[in-house]
Amino acid sequence: HGTTIYAQSVKGRFTISMDNFKTILQMNSLKFEDTA
């Protein structure tokens, strides 16, 4: 339905979207602690 959930640590920086079951995670303003 397009409802999204984000970890507090990525809110405002990451955006998730889905189209025809292809999911995109756009990660902006990356931080060292995003390494994983």
PDB file of all heavy atoms in Angstrom:
ATOM      1  N   HIS A   1       0.832  -1.219   0.000  1.00  0.00           N
ATOM      2  CA  HIS A   1       0.000   0.000   0.000  1.00  0.00           C
ATOM      3  C   HIS A   1       0.858   1.256   0.000  1.00  0.00           C
ATOM      4  O   HIS A   1       0.317   2.368   0.003  1.00  0.00           O
ATOM      5  CB  HIS A   1      -0.918   0.002   1.219  1.00  0.00           C
ATOM      6  CG  HIS A   1      -1.800  -1.197   1.302  1.00  0.00           C
ATOM      7  ND1 HIS A   1      -2.864  -1.411   0.451  1.00  0.00           N
ATOM      8  CD2 HIS A   1      -1.748  -2.283   2.111  1.00  0.00           C
ATOM      9  CE1 HIS A   1      -3.446  -2.556   0.755  1.00  0.00           C
ATOM     10  NE2 HIS A   1      -2.786  -3.108   1.761  1.00  0.00           N
ATOM     11  N   GLY A   2       2.166   1.058   0.048  1.00  0.00           N
ATOM     12  CA  GLY A   2       3.073   2.204   0.065  1.00  0.00           C
ATOM     13  C   GLY A   2       3.413   2.718   1.451  1.00  0.00           C
ATOM     14  O   GLY A   2       4.104   3.736   1.580  1.00  0.00           O
ATOM     15  N   THR A   3       2.956   2.043   2.471  1.00  0.00           N
ATOM     16  CA  THR A   3       3.284   2.447   3.834  1.00  0.00           C
ATOM     17  C   THR A   3       4.741   2.101   4.136  1.00  0.00           C
ATOM     18  O   THR A   3       5.180   0.980   3.883  1.00  0.00           O
ATOM     19  CB  THR A   3       2.367   1.747   4.842  1.00  0.00           C
ATOM     20  OG1 THR A   3       1.001   2.086   4.533  1.00  0.00           O
ATOM     21  CG2 THR A   3       2.688   2.190   6.262  1.00  0.00           C
ATOM     22  N   THR A   4       5.459   3.065   4.671  1.00  0.00           N
ATOM     23  CA  THR A   4       6.891   2.889   4.908  1.00  0.00           C
ATOM     24  C   THR A   4       7.237   2.964   6.394  1.00  0.00           C
ATOM     25  O   THR A   4       6.539   3.595   7.187  1.00  0.00           O
ATOM     26  CB  THR A   4       7.698   3.958   4.167  1.00  0.00           C
ATOM     27  OG1 THR A   4       7.254   5.258   4.597  1.00  0.00           O
ATOM     28  CG2 THR A   4       7.507   3.856   2.670  1.00  0.00           C
ATOM     29  N   ILE A   5       8.314   2.312   6.727  1.00  0.00           N
ATOM     30  CA  ILE A   5       8.908   2.354   8.061  1.00  0.00           C
ATOM     31  C   ILE A   5      10.397   2.598   7.886  1.00  0.00           C
ATOM     32  O   ILE A   5      11.026   2.020   6.991  1.00  0.00           O
ATOM     33  CB  ILE A   5       8.673   1.035   8.821  1.00  0.00           C
ATOM     34  CG1 ILE A   5       7.186   0.849   9.138  1.00  0.00           C
ATOM     35  CG2 ILE A   5       9.488   0.983  10.106  1.00  0.00           C
ATOM     36  CD1 ILE A   5       6.866  -0.476   9.785  1.00  0.00           C
ATOM     37  N   TYR A   6      10.953   3.444   8.746  1.00  0.00           N
ATOM     38  CA  TYR A   6      12.381   3.735   8.711  1.00  0.00           C
ATOM     39  C   TYR A   6      12.977   3.600  10.104  1.00  0.00           C
ATOM     40  O   TYR A   6      12.335   3.949  11.097  1.00  0.00           O
ATOM     41  CB  TYR A   6      12.649   5.155   8.214  1.00  0.00           C
ATOM     42  CG  TYR A   6      12.272   5.405   6.777  1.00  0.00           C
ATOM     43  CD1 TYR A   6      11.030   5.940   6.455  1.00  0.00           C
ATOM     44  CD2 TYR A   6      13.156   5.111   5.747  1.00  0.00           C
ATOM     45  CE1 TYR A   6      10.673   6.166   5.135  1.00  0.00           C
ATOM     46  CE2 TYR A   6      12.817   5.343   4.428  1.00  0.00           C
ATOM     47  CZ  TYR A   6      11.571   5.863   4.125  1.00  0.00           C
ATOM     48  OH  TYR A   6      11.229   6.095   2.821  1.00  0.00           O
ATOM     49  N   ALA A   7      14.212   3.155  10.145  1.00  0.00           N
ATOM     50  CA  ALA A   7      14.959   3.209  11.392  1.00  0.00           C
ATOM     51  C   ALA A   7      15.197   4.676  11.734  1.00  0.00           C
ATOM     52  O   ALA A   7      15.387   5.516  10.830  1.00  0.00           O
ATOM     53  CB  ALA A   7      16.292   2.487  11.256  1.00  0.00           C
ATOM     54  N   GLN A   8      15.200   4.982  13.013  1.00  0.00           N
ATOM     55  CA  GLN A   8      15.396   6.370  13.426  1.00  0.00           C
ATOM     56  C   GLN A   8      16.717   6.914  12.901  1.00  0.00           C
ATOM     57  O   GLN A   8      16.809   8.098  12.554  1.00  0.00           O
ATOM     58  CB  GLN A   8      15.370   6.449  14.957  1.00  0.00           C
ATOM     59  CG  GLN A   8      15.370   7.867  15.501  1.00  0.00           C
ATOM     60  CD  GLN A   8      14.142   8.642  15.100  1.00  0.00           C
ATOM     61  OE1 GLN A   8      13.030   8.118  15.064  1.00  0.00           O
ATOM     62  NE2 GLN A   8      14.332   9.932  14.785  1.00  0.00           N
ATOM     63  N   SER A   9      17.703   6.054  12.806  1.00  0.00           N
ATOM     64  CA  SER A   9      19.039   6.483  12.395  1.00  0.00           C
ATOM     65  C   SER A   9      19.113   6.912  10.927  1.00  0.00           C
ATOM     66  O   SER A   9      20.083   7.563  10.529  1.00  0.00           O
ATOM     67  CB  SER A   9      20.044   5.361  12.642  1.00  0.00           C
ATOM     68  OG  SER A   9      19.665   4.183  11.936  1.00  0.00           O
ATOM     69  N   VAL A  10      18.114   6.553  10.123  1.00  0.00           N
ATOM     70  CA  VAL A  10      18.167   6.901   8.698  1.00  0.00           C
ATOM     71  C   VAL A  10      17.041   7.834   8.277  1.00  0.00           C
ATOM     72  O   VAL A  10      17.001   8.262   7.117  1.00  0.00           O
ATOM     73  CB  VAL A  10      18.161   5.637   7.813  1.00  0.00           C
ATOM     74  CG1 VAL A  10      19.254   4.676   8.226  1.00  0.00           C
ATOM     75  CG2 VAL A  10      16.800   4.944   7.823  1.00  0.00           C
ATOM     76  N   LYS A  11      16.141   8.150   9.175  1.00  0.00           N
ATOM     77  CA  LYS A  11      15.020   9.033   8.829  1.00  0.00           C
ATOM     78  C   LYS A  11      15.525  10.363   8.316  1.00  0.00           C
ATOM     79  O   LYS A  11      16.436  10.961   8.888  1.00  0.00           O
ATOM     80  CB  LYS A  11      14.118   9.250  10.047  1.00  0.00           C
ATOM     81  CG  LYS A  11      13.136   8.126  10.305  1.00  0.00           C
ATOM     82  CD  LYS A  11      12.212   8.462  11.478  1.00  0.00           C
ATOM     83  CE  LYS A  11      11.214   7.348  11.712  1.00  0.00           C
ATOM     84  NZ  LYS A  11      10.329   7.629  12.866  1.00  0.00           N
ATOM     85  N   GLY A  12      14.929  10.805   7.219  1.00  0.00           N
ATOM     86  CA  GLY A  12      15.328  12.067   6.618  1.00  0.00           C
ATOM     87  C   GLY A  12      16.492  11.953   5.661  1.00  0.00           C
ATOM     88  O   GLY A  12      16.804  12.904   4.932  1.00  0.00           O
ATOM     89  N   ARG A  13      17.169  10.806   5.660  1.00  0.00           N
ATOM     90  CA  ARG A  13      18.309  10.615   4.770  1.00  0.00           C
ATOM     91  C   ARG A  13      18.053   9.524   3.736  1.00  0.00           C
ATOM     92  O   ARG A  13      18.520   9.617   2.606  1.00  0.00           O
ATOM     93  CB  ARG A  13      19.558  10.255   5.577  1.00  0.00           C
ATOM     94  CG  ARG A  13      19.969  11.297   6.594  1.00  0.00           C
ATOM     95  CD  ARG A  13      21.331  10.972   7.215  1.00  0.00           C
ATOM     96  NE  ARG A  13      21.303   9.714   7.963  1.00  0.00           N
ATOM     97  CZ  ARG A  13      22.069   8.669   7.669  1.00  0.00           C
ATOM     98  NH1 ARG A  13      22.902   8.713   6.640  1.00  0.00           N
ATOM     99  NH2 ARG A  13      22.002   7.560   8.399  1.00  0.00           N
ATOM    100  N   PHE A  14      17.337   8.484   4.135  1.00  0.00           N
ATOM    101  CA  PHE A  14      17.055   7.360   3.243  1.00  0.00           C
ATOM    102  C   PHE A  14      15.596   7.412   2.808  1.00  0.00           C
ATOM    103  O   PHE A  14      14.717   7.796   3.587  1.00  0.00           O
ATOM    104  CB  PHE A  14      17.306   6.024   3.938  1.00  0.00           C
ATOM    105  CG  PHE A  14      18.752   5.707   4.225  1.00  0.00           C
ATOM    106  CD1 PHE A  14      19.750   6.663   4.106  1.00  0.00           C
ATOM    107  CD2 PHE A  14      19.108   4.433   4.626  1.00  0.00           C
ATOM    108  CE1 PHE A  14      21.076   6.360   4.380  1.00  0.00           C
ATOM    109  CE2 PHE A  14      20.428   4.105   4.904  1.00  0.00           C
ATOM    110  CZ  PHE A  14      21.408   5.082   4.781  1.00  0.00           C
ATOM    111  N   THR A  15      15.357   6.984   1.589  1.00  0.00           N
ATOM    112  CA  THR A  15      14.000   6.907   1.065  1.00  0.00           C
ATOM    113  C   THR A  15      13.810   5.577   0.370  1.00  0.00           C
ATOM    114  O   THR A  15      14.625   5.192  -0.476  1.00  0.00           O
ATOM    115  CB  THR A  15      13.719   8.040   0.073  1.00  0.00           C
ATOM    116  OG1 THR A  15      13.936   9.302   0.708  1.00  0.00           O
ATOM    117  CG2 THR A  15      12.270   7.977  -0.409  1.00  0.00           C
ATOM    118  N   ILE A  16      12.738   4.888   0.724  1.00  0.00           N
ATOM    119  CA  ILE A  16      12.435   3.618   0.081  1.00  0.00           C
ATOM    120  C   ILE A  16      11.224   3.788  -0.830  1.00  0.00           C
ATOM    121  O   ILE A  16      10.304   4.550  -0.518  1.00  0.00           O
ATOM    122  CB  ILE A  16      12.174   2.511   1.129  1.00  0.00           C
ATOM    123  CG1 ILE A  16      12.142   1.127   0.464  1.00  0.00           C
ATOM    124  CG2 ILE A  16      10.911   2.777   1.935  1.00  0.00           C
ATOM    125  CD1 ILE A  16      12.160  -0.030   1.464  1.00  0.00           C
ATOM    126  N   SER A  17      11.266   3.123  -1.947  1.00  0.00           N
ATOM    127  CA  SER A  17      10.143   3.127  -2.871  1.00  0.00           C
ATOM    128  C   SER A  17      10.020   1.751  -3.488  1.00  0.00           C
ATOM    129  O   SER A  17      10.957   0.949  -3.454  1.00  0.00           O
ATOM    130  CB  SER A  17      10.330   4.187  -3.957  1.00  0.00           C
ATOM    131  OG  SER A  17      11.505   3.929  -4.711  1.00  0.00           O
ATOM    132  N   MET A  18       8.852   1.472  -4.019  1.00  0.00           N
ATOM    133  CA  MET A  18       8.626   0.166  -4.647  1.00  0.00           C
ATOM    134  C   MET A  18       7.706   0.332  -5.838  1.00  0.00           C
ATOM    135  O   MET A  18       6.673   1.000  -5.743  1.00  0.00           O
ATOM    136  CB  MET A  18       8.027  -0.824  -3.642  1.00  0.00           C
ATOM    137  CG  MET A  18       7.798  -2.211  -4.215  1.00  0.00           C
ATOM    138  SD  MET A  18       7.455  -3.451  -2.933  1.00  0.00           S
ATOM    139  CE  MET A  18       5.864  -2.905  -2.335  1.00  0.00           C
ATOM    140  N   ASP A  19       8.086  -0.282  -6.926  1.00  0.00           N
ATOM    141  CA  ASP A  19       7.275  -0.261  -8.139  1.00  0.00           C
ATOM    142  C   ASP A  19       7.330  -1.653  -8.755  1.00  0.00           C
ATOM    143  O   ASP A  19       8.410  -2.131  -9.130  1.00  0.00           O
ATOM    144  CB  ASP A  19       7.808   0.776  -9.127  1.00  0.00           C
ATOM    145  CG  ASP A  19       6.982   0.846 -10.399  1.00  0.00           C
ATOM    146  OD1 ASP A  19       5.794   0.492 -10.366  1.00  0.00           O
ATOM    147  OD2 ASP A  19       7.526   1.256 -11.443  1.00  0.00           O
ATOM    148  N   ASN A  20       6.192  -2.287  -8.829  1.00  0.00           N
ATOM    149  CA  ASN A  20       6.113  -3.619  -9.429  1.00  0.00           C
ATOM    150  C   ASN A  20       7.113  -4.563  -8.764  1.00  0.00           C
ATOM    151  O   ASN A  20       7.804  -5.335  -9.440  1.00  0.00           O
ATOM    152  CB  ASN A  20       6.359  -3.564 -10.942  1.00  0.00           C
ATOM    153  CG  ASN A  20       5.886  -4.816 -11.651  1.00  0.00           C
ATOM    154  OD1 ASN A  20       4.989  -5.506 -11.190  1.00  0.00           O
ATOM    155  ND2 ASN A  20       6.507  -5.116 -12.772  1.00  0.00           N
ATOM    156  N   PHE A  21       7.185  -4.491  -7.446  1.00  0.00           N
ATOM    157  CA  PHE A  21       8.027  -5.351  -6.624  1.00  0.00           C
ATOM    158  C   PHE A  21       9.512  -5.190  -6.930  1.00  0.00           C
ATOM    159  O   PHE A  21      10.312  -6.101  -6.735  1.00  0.00           O
ATOM    160  CB  PHE A  21       7.584  -6.813  -6.723  1.00  0.00           C
ATOM    161  CG  PHE A  21       6.180  -7.002  -6.244  1.00  0.00           C
ATOM    162  CD1 PHE A  21       5.133  -7.098  -7.139  1.00  0.00           C
ATOM    163  CD2 PHE A  21       5.891  -7.029  -4.883  1.00  0.00           C
ATOM    164  CE1 PHE A  21       3.820  -7.226  -6.692  1.00  0.00           C
ATOM    165  CE2 PHE A  21       4.586  -7.173  -4.424  1.00  0.00           C
ATOM    166  CZ  PHE A  21       3.550  -7.267  -5.338  1.00  0.00           C
ATOM    167  N   LYS A  22       9.884  -4.038  -7.416  1.00  0.00           N
ATOM    168  CA  LYS A  22      11.280  -3.624  -7.444  1.00  0.00           C
ATOM    169  C   LYS A  22      11.432  -2.490  -6.441  1.00  0.00           C
ATOM    170  O   LYS A  22      10.760  -1.463  -6.548  1.00  0.00           O
ATOM    171  CB  LYS A  22      11.717  -3.155  -8.830  1.00  0.00           C
ATOM    172  CG  LYS A  22      13.181  -2.729  -8.863  1.00  0.00           C
ATOM    173  CD  LYS A  22      13.613  -2.307 -10.254  1.00  0.00           C
ATOM    174  CE  LYS A  22      15.073  -1.890 -10.270  1.00  0.00           C
ATOM    175  NZ  LYS A  22      15.540  -1.459 -11.603  1.00  0.00           N
ATOM    176  N   THR A  23      12.279  -2.715  -5.474  1.00  0.00           N
ATOM    177  CA  THR A  23      12.443  -1.767  -4.383  1.00  0.00           C
ATOM    178  C   THR A  23      13.736  -0.983  -4.555  1.00  0.00           C
ATOM    179  O   THR A  23      14.786  -1.572  -4.852  1.00  0.00           O
ATOM    180  CB  THR A  23      12.477  -2.524  -3.036  1.00  0.00           C
ATOM    181  OG1 THR A  23      11.262  -3.254  -2.887  1.00  0.00           O
ATOM    182  CG2 THR A  23      12.618  -1.562  -1.875  1.00  0.00           C
ATOM    183  N   ILE A  24      13.639   0.315  -4.351  1.00  0.00           N
ATOM    184  CA  ILE A  24      14.794   1.198  -4.416  1.00  0.00           C
ATOM    185  C   ILE A  24      15.009   1.796  -3.027  1.00  0.00           C
ATOM    186  O   ILE A  24      14.066   2.307  -2.423  1.00  0.00           O
ATOM    187  CB  ILE A  24      14.588   2.335  -5.420  1.00  0.00           C
ATOM    188  CG1 ILE A  24      14.268   1.780  -6.817  1.00  0.00           C
ATOM    189  CG2 ILE A  24      15.805   3.238  -5.460  1.00  0.00           C
ATOM    190  CD1 ILE A  24      15.400   1.045  -7.463  1.00  0.00           C
ATOM    191  N   LEU A  25      16.230   1.729  -2.550  1.00  0.00           N
ATOM    192  CA  LEU A  25      16.601   2.416  -1.309  1.00  0.00           C
ATOM    193  C   LEU A  25      17.592   3.516  -1.682  1.00  0.00           C
ATOM    194  O   LEU A  25      18.745   3.233  -2.019  1.00  0.00           O
ATOM    195  CB  LEU A  25      17.210   1.459  -0.294  1.00  0.00           C
ATOM    196  CG  LEU A  25      17.522   2.076   1.065  1.00  0.00           C
ATOM    197  CD1 LEU A  25      16.216   2.454   1.791  1.00  0.00           C
ATOM    198  CD2 LEU A  25      18.341   1.136   1.934  1.00  0.00           C
ATOM    199  N   GLN A  26      17.115   4.740  -1.664  1.00  0.00           N
ATOM    200  CA  GLN A  26      17.959   5.891  -1.964  1.00  0.00           C
ATOM    201  C   GLN A  26      18.587   6.368  -0.658  1.00  0.00           C
ATOM    202  O   GLN A  26      17.879   6.749   0.272  1.00  0.00           O
ATOM    203  CB  GLN A  26      17.133   7.006  -2.594  1.00  0.00           C
ATOM    204  CG  GLN A  26      17.940   8.256  -2.912  1.00  0.00           C
ATOM    205  CD  GLN A  26      19.015   8.011  -3.954  1.00  0.00           C
ATOM    206  OE1 GLN A  26      18.771   7.333  -4.949  1.00  0.00           O
ATOM    207  NE2 GLN A  26      20.197   8.554  -3.729  1.00  0.00           N
ATOM    208  N   MET A  27      19.897   6.342  -0.612  1.00  0.00           N
ATOM    209  CA  MET A  27      20.614   6.683   0.613  1.00  0.00           C
ATOM    210  C   MET A  27      21.393   7.968   0.376  1.00  0.00           C
ATOM    211  O   MET A  27      22.339   7.989  -0.432  1.00  0.00           O
ATOM    212  CB  MET A  27      21.555   5.548   1.013  1.00  0.00           C
ATOM    213  CG  MET A  27      20.851   4.202   1.147  1.00  0.00           C
ATOM    214  SD  MET A  27      21.934   2.894   1.756  1.00  0.00           S
ATOM    215  CE  MET A  27      23.081   2.757   0.389  1.00  0.00           C
ATOM    216  N   ASN A  28      20.966   9.033   1.031  1.00  0.00           N
ATOM    217  CA  ASN A  28      21.622  10.332   0.907  1.00  0.00           C
ATOM    218  C   ASN A  28      22.341  10.691   2.202  1.00  0.00           C
ATOM    219  O   ASN A  28      22.071  10.113   3.262  1.00  0.00           O
ATOM    220  CB  ASN A  28      20.601  11.408   0.568  1.00  0.00           C
ATOM    221  CG  ASN A  28      19.922  11.171  -0.771  1.00  0.00           C
ATOM    222  OD1 ASN A  28      20.500  10.613  -1.696  1.00  0.00           O
ATOM    223  ND2 ASN A  28      18.669  11.605  -0.865  1.00  0.00           N
ATOM    224  N   SER A  29      23.208  11.655   2.109  1.00  0.00           N
ATOM    225  CA  SER A  29      23.946  12.143   3.283  1.00  0.00           C
ATOM    226  C   SER A  29      24.524  10.984   4.082  1.00  0.00           C
ATOM    227  O   SER A  29      24.353  10.902   5.306  1.00  0.00           O
ATOM    228  CB  SER A  29      23.031  12.989   4.171  1.00  0.00           C
ATOM    229  OG  SER A  29      22.487  14.068   3.444  1.00  0.00           O
ATOM    230  N   LEU A  30      25.214  10.113   3.394  1.00  0.00           N
ATOM    231  CA  LEU A  30      25.746   8.913   4.031  1.00  0.00           C
ATOM    232  C   LEU A  30      26.721   9.270   5.141  1.00  0.00           C
ATOM    233  O   LEU A  30      27.469  10.259   5.072  1.00  0.00           O
ATOM    234  CB  LEU A  30      26.419   8.021   2.999  1.00  0.00           C
ATOM    235  CG  LEU A  30      25.465   7.224   2.109  1.00  0.00           C
ATOM    236  CD1 LEU A  30      26.194   6.692   0.886  1.00  0.00           C
ATOM    237  CD2 LEU A  30      24.825   6.094   2.890  1.00  0.00           C
ATOM    238  N   LYS A  31      26.702   8.445   6.180  1.00  0.00           N
ATOM    239  CA  LYS A  31      27.594   8.603   7.317  1.00  0.00           C
ATOM    240  C   LYS A  31      28.464   7.359   7.448  1.00  0.00           C
ATOM    241  O   LYS A  31      28.106   6.271   6.968  1.00  0.00           O
ATOM    242  CB  LYS A  31      26.793   8.798   8.599  1.00  0.00           C
ATOM    243  CG  LYS A  31      25.850   9.990   8.587  1.00  0.00           C
ATOM    244  CD  LYS A  31      25.063  10.060   9.892  1.00  0.00           C
ATOM    245  CE  LYS A  31      24.113  11.239   9.893  1.00  0.00           C
ATOM    246  NZ  LYS A  31      23.352  11.322  11.169  1.00  0.00           N
ATOM    247  N   PHE A  32      29.575   7.509   8.138  1.00  0.00           N
ATOM    248  CA  PHE A  32      30.466   6.374   8.357  1.00  0.00           C
ATOM    249  C   PHE A  32      29.700   5.215   8.994  1.00  0.00           C
ATOM    250  O   PHE A  32      29.912   4.051   8.643  1.00  0.00           O
ATOM    251  CB  PHE A  32      31.636   6.794   9.237  1.00  0.00           C
ATOM    252  CG  PHE A  32      32.522   5.663   9.631  1.00  0.00           C
ATOM    253  CD1 PHE A  32      33.419   5.112   8.729  1.00  0.00           C
ATOM    254  CD2 PHE A  32      32.453   5.114  10.907  1.00  0.00           C
ATOM    255  CE1 PHE A  32      34.234   4.047   9.082  1.00  0.00           C
ATOM    256  CE2 PHE A  32      33.262   4.057  11.273  1.00  0.00           C
ATOM    257  CZ  PHE A  32      34.151   3.529  10.362  1.00  0.00           C
ATOM    258  N   GLU A  33      28.802   5.547   9.906  1.00  0.00           N
ATOM    259  CA  GLU A  33      28.077   4.492  10.613  1.00  0.00           C
ATOM    260  C   GLU A  33      27.040   3.785   9.759  1.00  0.00           C
ATOM    261  O   GLU A  33      26.390   2.842  10.220  1.00  0.00           O
ATOM    262  CB  GLU A  33      27.414   5.053  11.882  1.00  0.00           C
ATOM    263  CG  GLU A  33      26.609   6.307  11.676  1.00  0.00           C
ATOM    264  CD  GLU A  33      27.418   7.570  11.971  1.00  0.00           C
ATOM    265  OE1 GLU A  33      28.615   7.621  11.606  1.00  0.00           O
ATOM    266  OE2 GLU A  33      26.829   8.517  12.534  1.00  0.00           O
ATOM    267  N   ASP A  34      26.859   4.216   8.509  1.00  0.00           N
ATOM    268  CA  ASP A  34      25.988   3.481   7.590  1.00  0.00           C
ATOM    269  C   ASP A  34      26.720   2.296   6.965  1.00  0.00           C
ATOM    270  O   ASP A  34      26.108   1.493   6.249  1.00  0.00           O
ATOM    271  CB  ASP A  34      25.495   4.402   6.479  1.00  0.00           C
ATOM    272  CG  ASP A  34      24.560   5.488   6.976  1.00  0.00           C
ATOM    273  OD1 ASP A  34      23.726   5.189   7.864  1.00  0.00           O
ATOM    274  OD2 ASP A  34      24.667   6.630   6.488  1.00  0.00           O
ATOM    275  N   THR A  35      28.001   2.185   7.220  1.00  0.00           N
ATOM    276  CA  THR A  35      28.781   1.072   6.691  1.00  0.00           C
ATOM    277  C   THR A  35      28.245  -0.245   7.231  1.00  0.00           C
ATOM    278  O   THR A  35      28.141  -0.433   8.445  1.00  0.00           O
ATOM    279  CB  THR A  35      30.264   1.225   7.068  1.00  0.00           C
ATOM    280  OG1 THR A  35      30.778   2.414   6.462  1.00  0.00           O
ATOM    281  CG2 THR A  35      31.064   0.027   6.602  1.00  0.00           C
ATOM    282  N   ALA A  36      27.886  -1.142   6.334  1.00  0.00           N
ATOM    283  CA  ALA A  36      27.310  -2.428   6.733  1.00  0.00           C
ATOM    284  C   ALA A  36      27.054  -3.268   5.480  1.00  0.00           C
ATOM    285  O   ALA A  36      27.176  -2.783   4.356  1.00  0.00           O
ATOM    286  CB  ALA A  36      25.996  -2.220   7.480  1.00  0.00           C
TER     287      ALA A  36
END
